[in-house]
Amino acid sequence: MYYKVKMDNEVIDVISHIMFARIINKAICTSDAEHATGFLSSDYKKVYHIDGAPDGEYYPDGNAVLEETTQEEATLLKEVLASGAAVEDQDGEDVVVDEEPEPDPVAEMEEANAALESFREWKLKQLSDACRNTIESGFTEIIHNADGEKIYSYSLKEDDQINILMNMDMIMSGAESVIYHANSEPARVYLADDFKKLAMTANYCRMYNTSYFNCLKMWVNDLTDKVEIGKITYGSVVPDDYQTEAYVYICDVLKKIDTGYSFCNHEAGAE
């Protein structure tokens, strides 16, 4: 014989036979039917109080009602309860509620793709910010004199780039010299040829970092593994397959020229 154990109109257990018990001083003891105040659960760890029996000790697992069922239904109910779903008695019918829905492969794929795209967007923003910050940090110049060497730095924020372009316009219009200054230094006079080297370095710095970022962007967009995407940083060596024509060109140019200035160059991880 099989029984459904119900409590508050919900099937909470299924047992194959009734094992009567009672709780004495909070210890579970088996008992005969005449003196029992409850019965054991299917795992023998709980005692359900029989409604109408003397209360005696406190029964933390509550009052339960037994209802006969078939072996076939008992087997099915056990599987449902083991899955974590709840079974309620609704108008005399056992209805499964809160059952885990069948996995939807399409929905799972869409969710995974959405998570991947969000991570990719975050990584691209991180790289874009690093590109902008690197360009704005500009370049340096080392001047050797009798007192040793002095390092001058030139930032390339928007105002700096505009000022460099304005000075180049003056030189292209015939000016033999212009006034400019390094970061935190007093302004000084630059001969036209000297300032052309400074302006050329500024342009290469911007061109290099922009083309480098575009390579990283292609690389990130081609990957489908978040772990691999996460490994890419602003400074990673770009694989050959993602090196654009512009990037290869600017790297080649930088190997051949010496303007007297230097800036961050990530080619082959070098500076």
C-alpha atoms as a PDB file:
ATOM      1  CA  MET A   1       0.000   0.000   0.000  1.00  0.00           C
ATOM      2  CA  TYR A   2       1.225   3.525  -0.812  1.00  0.00           C
ATOM      3  CA  TYR A   3       0.273   6.783   0.866  1.00  0.00           C
ATOM      4  CA  LYS A   4       0.526  10.456   0.011  1.00  0.00           C
ATOM      5  CA  VAL A   5       1.436  12.605   2.992  1.00  0.00           C
ATOM      6  CA  LYS A   6      -0.436  15.912   2.835  1.00  0.00           C
ATOM      7  CA  MET A   7      -0.063  19.030   4.892  1.00  0.00           C
ATOM      8  CA  ASP A   8      -2.034  22.223   4.272  1.00  0.00           C
ATOM      9  CA  ASN A   9      -3.334  20.815   0.967  1.00  0.00           C
ATOM     10  CA  GLU A  10       0.179  20.143  -0.294  1.00  0.00           C
ATOM     11  CA  VAL A  11       1.722  16.721  -0.930  1.00  0.00           C
ATOM     12  CA  ILE A  12       4.997  16.769   1.005  1.00  0.00           C
ATOM     13  CA  ASP A  13       5.994  13.090   1.056  1.00  0.00           C
ATOM     14  CA  VAL A  14       5.167   9.627  -0.242  1.00  0.00           C
ATOM     15  CA  ILE A  15       5.545   6.493   1.900  1.00  0.00           C
ATOM     16  CA  SER A  16       5.158   2.808   1.054  1.00  0.00           C
ATOM     17  CA  HIS A  17       4.050   1.757   4.517  1.00  0.00           C
ATOM     18  CA  ILE A  18       3.106   3.385   7.777  1.00  0.00           C
ATOM     19  CA  MET A  19       5.670   3.176  10.549  1.00  0.00           C
ATOM     20  CA  PHE A  20       4.051   4.530  13.697  1.00  0.00           C
ATOM     21  CA  ALA A  21       6.118   6.562  16.101  1.00  0.00           C
ATOM     22  CA  ARG A  22       6.010   9.067  18.882  1.00  0.00           C
ATOM     23  CA  ILE A  23       8.416  11.683  20.207  1.00  0.00           C
ATOM     24  CA  ILE A  24       9.477  11.304  23.803  1.00  0.00           C
ATOM     25  CA  ASN A  25      11.714  14.044  25.223  1.00  0.00           C
ATOM     26  CA  LYS A  26      12.376  15.132  21.627  1.00  0.00           C
ATOM     27  CA  ALA A  27      13.677  11.672  20.692  1.00  0.00           C
ATOM     28  CA  ILE A  28      11.974   9.678  17.911  1.00  0.00           C
ATOM     29  CA  CYS A  29      10.687   6.311  19.094  1.00  0.00           C
ATOM     30  CA  THR A  30       8.795   3.676  17.137  1.00  0.00           C
ATOM     31  CA  SER A  31       5.439   2.707  18.549  1.00  0.00           C
ATOM     32  CA  ASP A  32       2.417   0.541  17.977  1.00  0.00           C
ATOM     33  CA  ALA A  33      -0.668   2.027  16.371  1.00  0.00           C
ATOM     34  CA  GLU A  34      -2.567   2.298  19.643  1.00  0.00           C
ATOM     35  CA  HIS A  35      -0.023   4.479  21.400  1.00  0.00           C
ATOM     36  CA  ALA A  36       1.413   6.302  18.398  1.00  0.00           C
ATOM     37  CA  THR A  37       0.955  10.016  17.956  1.00  0.00           C
ATOM     38  CA  GLY A  38       2.561  10.204  14.532  1.00  0.00           C
ATOM     39  CA  PHE A  39       4.360   8.311  11.792  1.00  0.00           C
ATOM     40  CA  LEU A  40       7.794   8.425  10.227  1.00  0.00           C
ATOM     41  CA  SER A  41       8.644  10.198   6.985  1.00  0.00           C
ATOM     42  CA  SER A  42       9.995   8.249   4.021  1.00  0.00           C
ATOM     43  CA  ASP A  43      13.584   9.074   5.060  1.00  0.00           C
ATOM     44  CA  TYR A  44      12.843   8.169   8.720  1.00  0.00           C
ATOM     45  CA  LYS A  45      14.134  11.559   9.872  1.00  0.00           C
ATOM     46  CA  LYS A  46      10.814  13.240  10.672  1.00  0.00           C
ATOM     47  CA  VAL A  47       7.680  12.399  12.623  1.00  0.00           C
ATOM     48  CA  TYR A  48       4.448  13.789  11.226  1.00  0.00           C
ATOM     49  CA  HIS A  49       1.788  14.310  13.866  1.00  0.00           C
ATOM     50  CA  ILE A  50      -1.474  12.496  13.174  1.00  0.00           C
ATOM     51  CA  ASP A  51      -4.356  14.925  13.226  1.00  0.00           C
ATOM     52  CA  GLY A  52      -6.559  14.115  16.180  1.00  0.00           C
ATOM     53  CA  ALA A  53      -3.948  12.225  18.166  1.00  0.00           C
ATOM     54  CA  PRO A  54      -2.897  13.480  21.605  1.00  0.00           C
ATOM     55  CA  ASP A  55      -0.479  16.364  21.249  1.00  0.00           C
ATOM     56  CA  GLY A  56       2.057  15.118  23.772  1.00  0.00           C
ATOM     57  CA  GLU A  57       5.397  16.536  22.719  1.00  0.00           C
ATOM     58  CA  TYR A  58       5.883  19.375  20.229  1.00  0.00           C
ATOM     59  CA  TYR A  59       5.918  18.130  16.646  1.00  0.00           C
ATOM     60  CA  PRO A  60       7.983  20.565  14.570  1.00  0.00           C
ATOM     61  CA  ASP A  61       7.084  18.844  11.310  1.00  0.00           C
ATOM     62  CA  GLY A  62       3.388  19.654  11.738  1.00  0.00           C
ATOM     63  CA  ASN A  63       0.109  17.799  11.388  1.00  0.00           C
ATOM     64  CA  ALA A  64      -0.212  15.508   8.393  1.00  0.00           C
ATOM     65  CA  VAL A  65      -2.982  13.636   6.616  1.00  0.00           C
ATOM     66  CA  LEU A  66      -2.493  10.267   4.954  1.00  0.00           C
ATOM     67  CA  GLU A  67      -4.222   9.431   1.684  1.00  0.00           C
ATOM     68  CA  GLU A  68      -3.950   6.106  -0.134  1.00  0.00           C
ATOM     69  CA  THR A  69      -2.558   6.102  -3.650  1.00  0.00           C
ATOM     70  CA  THR A  70      -1.380   3.684  -6.333  1.00  0.00           C
ATOM     71  CA  GLN A  71       2.165   2.514  -6.848  1.00  0.00           C
ATOM     72  CA  GLU A  72       2.260   4.234 -10.235  1.00  0.00           C
ATOM     73  CA  GLU A  73       1.149   7.583  -8.813  1.00  0.00           C
ATOM     74  CA  ALA A  74       3.490   7.191  -5.822  1.00  0.00           C
ATOM     75  CA  THR A  75       6.468   6.686  -8.150  1.00  0.00           C
ATOM     76  CA  LEU A  76       5.529   9.758 -10.172  1.00  0.00           C
ATOM     77  CA  LEU A  77       5.035  11.907  -7.074  1.00  0.00           C
ATOM     78  CA  LYS A  78       8.420  10.868  -5.685  1.00  0.00           C
ATOM     79  CA  GLU A  79      10.126  11.985  -8.913  1.00  0.00           C
ATOM     80  CA  VAL A  80       8.293  15.319  -8.874  1.00  0.00           C
ATOM     81  CA  LEU A  81       9.116  16.009  -5.227  1.00  0.00           C
ATOM     82  CA  ALA A  82      12.756  15.021  -5.791  1.00  0.00           C
ATOM     83  CA  SER A  83      12.965  17.642  -8.558  1.00  0.00           C
ATOM     84  CA  GLY A  84      12.131  20.358  -6.059  1.00  0.00           C
ATOM     85  CA  ALA A  85       8.663  21.069  -7.445  1.00  0.00           C
ATOM     86  CA  ALA A  86       5.627  21.434  -5.212  1.00  0.00           C
ATOM     87  CA  VAL A  87       2.429  19.384  -5.532  1.00  0.00           C
ATOM     88  CA  GLU A  88      -0.833  20.949  -4.360  1.00  0.00           C
ATOM     89  CA  ASP A  89      -4.265  19.445  -3.866  1.00  0.00           C
ATOM     90  CA  GLN A  90      -6.564  21.617  -5.972  1.00  0.00           C
ATOM     91  CA  ASP A  91     -10.209  20.466  -5.906  1.00  0.00           C
ATOM     92  CA  GLY A  92      -9.198  16.866  -5.272  1.00  0.00           C
ATOM     93  CA  GLU A  93      -6.534  16.848  -8.006  1.00  0.00           C
ATOM     94  CA  ASP A  94      -2.784  16.817  -7.447  1.00  0.00           C
ATOM     95  CA  VAL A  95      -1.334  19.738  -9.396  1.00  0.00           C
ATOM     96  CA  VAL A  96       2.391  20.300  -9.865  1.00  0.00           C
ATOM     97  CA  VAL A  97       3.428  23.906  -9.225  1.00  0.00           C
ATOM     98  CA  ASP A  98       6.784  25.728  -9.291  1.00  0.00           C
ATOM     99  CA  GLU A  99       8.214  23.058 -11.536  1.00  0.00           C
ATOM    100  CA  GLU A 100      11.429  23.953 -13.267  1.00  0.00           C
ATOM    101  CA  PRO A 101      10.626  24.711 -16.916  1.00  0.00           C
ATOM    102  CA  GLU A 102      12.263  22.713 -19.661  1.00  0.00           C
ATOM    103  CA  PRO A 103      15.466  24.435 -20.782  1.00  0.00           C
ATOM    104  CA  ASP A 104      15.022  26.520 -23.904  1.00  0.00           C
ATOM    105  CA  PRO A 105      18.209  26.177 -26.000  1.00  0.00           C
ATOM    106  CA  VAL A 106      17.379  29.270 -28.038  1.00  0.00           C
ATOM    107  CA  ALA A 107      16.722  31.393 -24.943  1.00  0.00           C
ATOM    108  CA  GLU A 108      19.886  30.094 -23.276  1.00  0.00           C
ATOM    109  CA  MET A 109      21.913  30.914 -26.374  1.00  0.00           C
ATOM    110  CA  GLU A 110      20.425  34.419 -26.543  1.00  0.00           C
ATOM    111  CA  GLU A 111      21.205  34.970 -22.862  1.00  0.00           C
ATOM    112  CA  ALA A 112      24.779  33.748 -23.329  1.00  0.00           C
ATOM    113  CA  ASN A 113      25.224  35.978 -26.385  1.00  0.00           C
ATOM    114  CA  ALA A 114      23.836  38.981 -24.486  1.00  0.00           C
ATOM    115  CA  ALA A 115      26.285  38.341 -21.628  1.00  0.00           C
ATOM    116  CA  LEU A 116      29.146  38.018 -24.118  1.00  0.00           C
ATOM    117  CA  GLU A 117      28.201  41.251 -25.883  1.00  0.00           C
ATOM    118  CA  SER A 118      27.979  43.131 -22.578  1.00  0.00           C
ATOM    119  CA  PHE A 119      31.433  41.887 -21.586  1.00  0.00           C
ATOM    120  CA  ARG A 120      32.824  42.741 -25.027  1.00  0.00           C
ATOM    121  CA  GLU A 121      31.402  46.281 -24.806  1.00  0.00           C
ATOM    122  CA  TRP A 122      32.991  46.704 -21.367  1.00  0.00           C
ATOM    123  CA  LYS A 123      36.373  45.526 -22.640  1.00  0.00           C
ATOM    124  CA  LEU A 124      36.223  47.806 -25.712  1.00  0.00           C
ATOM    125  CA  LYS A 125      35.391  50.809 -23.517  1.00  0.00           C
ATOM    126  CA  GLN A 126      38.308  49.932 -21.252  1.00  0.00           C
ATOM    127  CA  LEU A 127      40.655  49.773 -24.246  1.00  0.00           C
ATOM    128  CA  SER A 128      39.214  52.961 -25.767  1.00  0.00           C
ATOM    129  CA  ASP A 129      39.740  54.843 -22.506  1.00  0.00           C
ATOM    130  CA  ALA A 130      43.307  53.557 -22.331  1.00  0.00           C
ATOM    131  CA  CYS A 131      43.906  54.692 -25.927  1.00  0.00           C
ATOM    132  CA  ARG A 132      42.629  58.193 -25.205  1.00  0.00           C
ATOM    133  CA  ASN A 133      44.638  58.450 -21.988  1.00  0.00           C
ATOM    134  CA  THR A 134      47.804  57.267 -23.748  1.00  0.00           C
ATOM    135  CA  ILE A 135      47.403  59.828 -26.532  1.00  0.00           C
ATOM    136  CA  GLU A 136      46.716  62.603 -24.044  1.00  0.00           C
ATOM    137  CA  SER A 137      49.795  61.640 -22.017  1.00  0.00           C
ATOM    138  CA  GLY A 138      51.729  62.666 -25.131  1.00  0.00           C
ATOM    139  CA  PHE A 139      55.473  62.254 -25.642  1.00  0.00           C
ATOM    140  CA  THR A 140      58.832  63.177 -24.162  1.00  0.00           C
ATOM    141  CA  GLU A 141      62.039  64.922 -25.232  1.00  0.00           C
ATOM    142  CA  ILE A 142      65.459  64.377 -23.705  1.00  0.00           C
ATOM    143  CA  ILE A 143      67.883  67.292 -23.989  1.00  0.00           C
ATOM    144  CA  HIS A 144      71.549  66.808 -23.115  1.00  0.00           C
ATOM    145  CA  ASN A 145      73.590  69.780 -21.955  1.00  0.00           C
ATOM    146  CA  ALA A 146      76.540  70.649 -19.754  1.00  0.00           C
ATOM    147  CA  ASP A 147      74.461  70.037 -16.644  1.00  0.00           C
ATOM    148  CA  GLY A 148      73.455  66.548 -17.739  1.00  0.00           C
ATOM    149  CA  GLU A 149      70.134  65.660 -19.297  1.00  0.00           C
ATOM    150  CA  LYS A 150      66.684  67.077 -18.851  1.00  0.00           C
ATOM    151  CA  ILE A 151      63.433  65.370 -19.798  1.00  0.00           C
ATOM    152  CA  TYR A 152      60.595  67.473 -21.140  1.00  0.00           C
ATOM    153  CA  SER A 153      57.080  66.055 -21.485  1.00  0.00           C
ATOM    154  CA  TYR A 154      54.381  67.265 -23.853  1.00  0.00           C
ATOM    155  CA  SER A 155      50.745  66.331 -23.280  1.00  0.00           C
ATOM    156  CA  LEU A 156      48.357  65.926 -26.198  1.00  0.00           C
ATOM    157  CA  LYS A 157      44.994  66.863 -24.812  1.00  0.00           C
ATOM    158  CA  GLU A 158      42.562  68.541 -27.186  1.00  0.00           C
ATOM    159  CA  ASP A 159      43.821  72.075 -26.449  1.00  0.00           C
ATOM    160  CA  ASP A 160      47.421  70.936 -26.897  1.00  0.00           C
ATOM    161  CA  GLN A 161      46.681  69.436 -30.297  1.00  0.00           C
ATOM    162  CA  ILE A 162      44.924  72.640 -31.375  1.00  0.00           C
ATOM    163  CA  ASN A 163      47.880  74.778 -30.260  1.00  0.00           C
ATOM    164  CA  ILE A 164      50.318  72.573 -32.178  1.00  0.00           C
ATOM    165  CA  LEU A 165      48.190  72.833 -35.339  1.00  0.00           C
ATOM    166  CA  MET A 166      47.977  76.630 -34.999  1.00  0.00           C
ATOM    167  CA  ASN A 167      51.759  76.891 -34.715  1.00  0.00           C
ATOM    168  CA  MET A 168      52.167  74.653 -37.765  1.00  0.00           C
ATOM    169  CA  ASP A 169      49.792  76.924 -39.696  1.00  0.00           C
ATOM    170  CA  MET A 170      52.072  79.854 -38.806  1.00  0.00           C
ATOM    171  CA  ILE A 171      55.153  77.960 -40.012  1.00  0.00           C
ATOM    172  CA  MET A 172      53.416  76.947 -43.243  1.00  0.00           C
ATOM    173  CA  SER A 173      52.576  80.631 -43.721  1.00  0.00           C
ATOM    174  CA  GLY A 174      56.248  81.555 -43.513  1.00  0.00           C
ATOM    175  CA  ALA A 175      57.052  81.949 -39.795  1.00  0.00           C
ATOM    176  CA  GLU A 176      60.693  81.042 -39.041  1.00  0.00           C
ATOM    177  CA  SER A 177      59.939  80.309 -35.395  1.00  0.00           C
ATOM    178  CA  VAL A 178      57.039  79.824 -32.960  1.00  0.00           C
ATOM    179  CA  ILE A 179      56.516  79.935 -29.209  1.00  0.00           C
ATOM    180  CA  TYR A 180      55.497  76.775 -27.336  1.00  0.00           C
ATOM    181  CA  HIS A 181      56.185  75.118 -24.011  1.00  0.00           C
ATOM    182  CA  ALA A 182      56.561  71.680 -22.458  1.00  0.00           C
ATOM    183  CA  ASN A 183      54.412  70.652 -19.508  1.00  0.00           C
ATOM    184  CA  SER A 184      55.033  72.853 -16.451  1.00  0.00           C
ATOM    185  CA  GLU A 185      57.852  74.658 -18.256  1.00  0.00           C
ATOM    186  CA  PRO A 186      58.110  78.302 -19.348  1.00  0.00           C
ATOM    187  CA  ALA A 187      57.442  79.005 -23.015  1.00  0.00           C
ATOM    188  CA  ARG A 188      60.429  79.046 -25.321  1.00  0.00           C
ATOM    189  CA  VAL A 189      61.155  79.819 -28.949  1.00  0.00           C
ATOM    190  CA  TYR A 190      61.236  76.840 -31.358  1.00  0.00           C
ATOM    191  CA  LEU A 191      62.816  77.242 -34.770  1.00  0.00           C
ATOM    192  CA  ALA A 192      60.507  76.114 -37.558  1.00  0.00           C
ATOM    193  CA  ASP A 193      62.426  72.903 -38.342  1.00  0.00           C
ATOM    194  CA  ASP A 194      62.581  71.950 -34.657  1.00  0.00           C
ATOM    195  CA  PHE A 195      58.878  72.515 -34.158  1.00  0.00           C
ATOM    196  CA  LYS A 196      58.072  70.463 -37.262  1.00  0.00           C
ATOM    197  CA  LYS A 197      59.724  67.490 -35.550  1.00  0.00           C
ATOM    198  CA  LEU A 198      57.632  68.102 -32.423  1.00  0.00           C
ATOM    199  CA  ALA A 199      54.434  68.334 -34.469  1.00  0.00           C
ATOM    200  CA  MET A 200      55.357  65.225 -36.478  1.00  0.00           C
ATOM    201  CA  THR A 201      55.893  63.276 -33.249  1.00  0.00           C
ATOM    202  CA  ALA A 202      52.507  64.434 -31.954  1.00  0.00           C
ATOM    203  CA  ASN A 203      50.871  63.239 -35.156  1.00  0.00           C
ATOM    204  CA  TYR A 204      52.634  59.873 -35.052  1.00  0.00           C
ATOM    205  CA  CYS A 205      51.634  59.412 -31.418  1.00  0.00           C
ATOM    206  CA  ARG A 206      47.990  59.963 -32.271  1.00  0.00           C
ATOM    207  CA  MET A 207      48.135  57.871 -35.465  1.00  0.00           C
ATOM    208  CA  TYR A 208      49.961  55.000 -33.804  1.00  0.00           C
ATOM    209  CA  ASN A 209      47.636  54.691 -30.817  1.00  0.00           C
ATOM    210  CA  THR A 210      44.507  55.051 -32.936  1.00  0.00           C
ATOM    211  CA  SER A 211      45.598  52.310 -35.345  1.00  0.00           C
ATOM    212  CA  TYR A 212      46.759  50.133 -32.431  1.00  0.00           C
ATOM    213  CA  PHE A 213      43.371  50.437 -30.737  1.00  0.00           C
ATOM    214  CA  ASN A 214      41.599  49.530 -33.988  1.00  0.00           C
ATOM    215  CA  CYS A 215      43.649  46.327 -34.136  1.00  0.00           C
ATOM    216  CA  LEU A 216      42.687  45.451 -30.567  1.00  0.00           C
ATOM    217  CA  LYS A 217      39.047  46.170 -31.396  1.00  0.00           C
ATOM    218  CA  MET A 218      39.107  43.746 -34.338  1.00  0.00           C
ATOM    219  CA  TRP A 219      40.728  41.148 -32.109  1.00  0.00           C
ATOM    220  CA  VAL A 220      38.152  41.525 -29.324  1.00  0.00           C
ATOM    221  CA  ASN A 221      35.217  41.448 -31.759  1.00  0.00           C
ATOM    222  CA  ASP A 222      36.477  38.196 -33.244  1.00  0.00           C
ATOM    223  CA  LEU A 223      36.690  36.299 -29.946  1.00  0.00           C
ATOM    224  CA  THR A 224      33.783  34.386 -28.367  1.00  0.00           C
ATOM    225  CA  ASP A 225      35.442  33.354 -25.105  1.00  0.00           C
ATOM    226  CA  LYS A 226      35.145  35.884 -22.271  1.00  0.00           C
ATOM    227  CA  VAL A 227      38.300  34.537 -20.627  1.00  0.00           C
ATOM    228  CA  GLU A 228      40.332  35.169 -23.787  1.00  0.00           C
ATOM    229  CA  ILE A 229      38.763  38.616 -24.232  1.00  0.00           C
ATOM    230  CA  GLY A 230      39.607  39.459 -20.636  1.00  0.00           C
ATOM    231  CA  LYS A 231      43.293  38.718 -21.247  1.00  0.00           C
ATOM    232  CA  ILE A 232      43.605  41.493 -23.842  1.00  0.00           C
ATOM    233  CA  THR A 233      45.019  44.709 -22.421  1.00  0.00           C
ATOM    234  CA  TYR A 234      46.235  48.012 -23.828  1.00  0.00           C
ATOM    235  CA  GLY A 235      49.784  46.834 -24.322  1.00  0.00           C
ATOM    236  CA  SER A 236      49.099  43.332 -25.684  1.00  0.00           C
ATOM    237  CA  VAL A 237      51.083  42.325 -28.749  1.00  0.00           C
ATOM    238  CA  VAL A 238      48.696  42.289 -31.721  1.00  0.00           C
ATOM    239  CA  PRO A 239      48.604  38.911 -33.547  1.00  0.00           C
ATOM    240  CA  ASP A 240      49.502  39.113 -37.245  1.00  0.00           C
ATOM    241  CA  ASP A 241      45.921  38.300 -38.290  1.00  0.00           C
ATOM    242  CA  TYR A 242      44.639  41.498 -36.658  1.00  0.00           C
ATOM    243  CA  GLN A 243      47.354  43.922 -37.753  1.00  0.00           C
ATOM    244  CA  THR A 244      45.767  46.437 -40.112  1.00  0.00           C
ATOM    245  CA  GLU A 245      47.540  48.030 -43.068  1.00  0.00           C
ATOM    246  CA  ALA A 246      47.644  51.352 -41.221  1.00  0.00           C
ATOM    247  CA  TYR A 247      49.159  49.762 -38.120  1.00  0.00           C
ATOM    248  CA  VAL A 248      51.851  47.934 -40.099  1.00  0.00           C
ATOM    249  CA  TYR A 249      52.662  51.155 -41.979  1.00  0.00           C
ATOM    250  CA  ILE A 250      53.015  53.363 -38.898  1.00  0.00           C
ATOM    251  CA  CYS A 251      55.112  50.730 -37.095  1.00  0.00           C
ATOM    252  CA  ASP A 252      57.423  50.566 -40.108  1.00  0.00           C
ATOM    253  CA  VAL A 253      57.731  54.367 -40.222  1.00  0.00           C
ATOM    254  CA  LEU A 254      58.564  54.568 -36.521  1.00  0.00           C
ATOM    255  CA  LYS A 255      61.451  52.121 -37.009  1.00  0.00           C
ATOM    256  CA  LYS A 256      63.030  54.362 -39.644  1.00  0.00           C
ATOM    257  CA  ILE A 257      62.728  57.859 -38.208  1.00  0.00           C
ATOM    258  CA  ASP A 258      64.166  59.672 -35.219  1.00  0.00           C
ATOM    259  CA  THR A 259      62.493  62.957 -34.350  1.00  0.00           C
ATOM    260  CA  GLY A 260      64.327  63.335 -31.078  1.00  0.00           C
ATOM    261  CA  TYR A 261      61.100  62.608 -29.193  1.00  0.00           C
ATOM    262  CA  SER A 262      59.625  59.344 -27.903  1.00  0.00           C
ATOM    263  CA  PHE A 263      56.217  57.994 -26.935  1.00  0.00           C
ATOM    264  CA  CYS A 264      54.630  54.717 -25.859  1.00  0.00           C
ATOM    265  CA  ASN A 265      54.933  52.116 -28.636  1.00  0.00           C
ATOM    266  CA  HIS A 266      53.285  48.740 -28.035  1.00  0.00           C
ATOM    267  CA  GLU A 267      54.742  47.016 -31.039  1.00  0.00           C
ATOM    268  CA  ALA A 268      56.177  43.705 -29.820  1.00  0.00           C
ATOM    269  CA  GLY A 269      55.556  44.964 -26.283  1.00  0.00           C
ATOM    270  CA  ALA A 270      58.275  47.606 -26.597  1.00  0.00           C
ATOM    271  CA  GLU A 271      58.344  51.306 -25.870  1.00  0.00           C
END
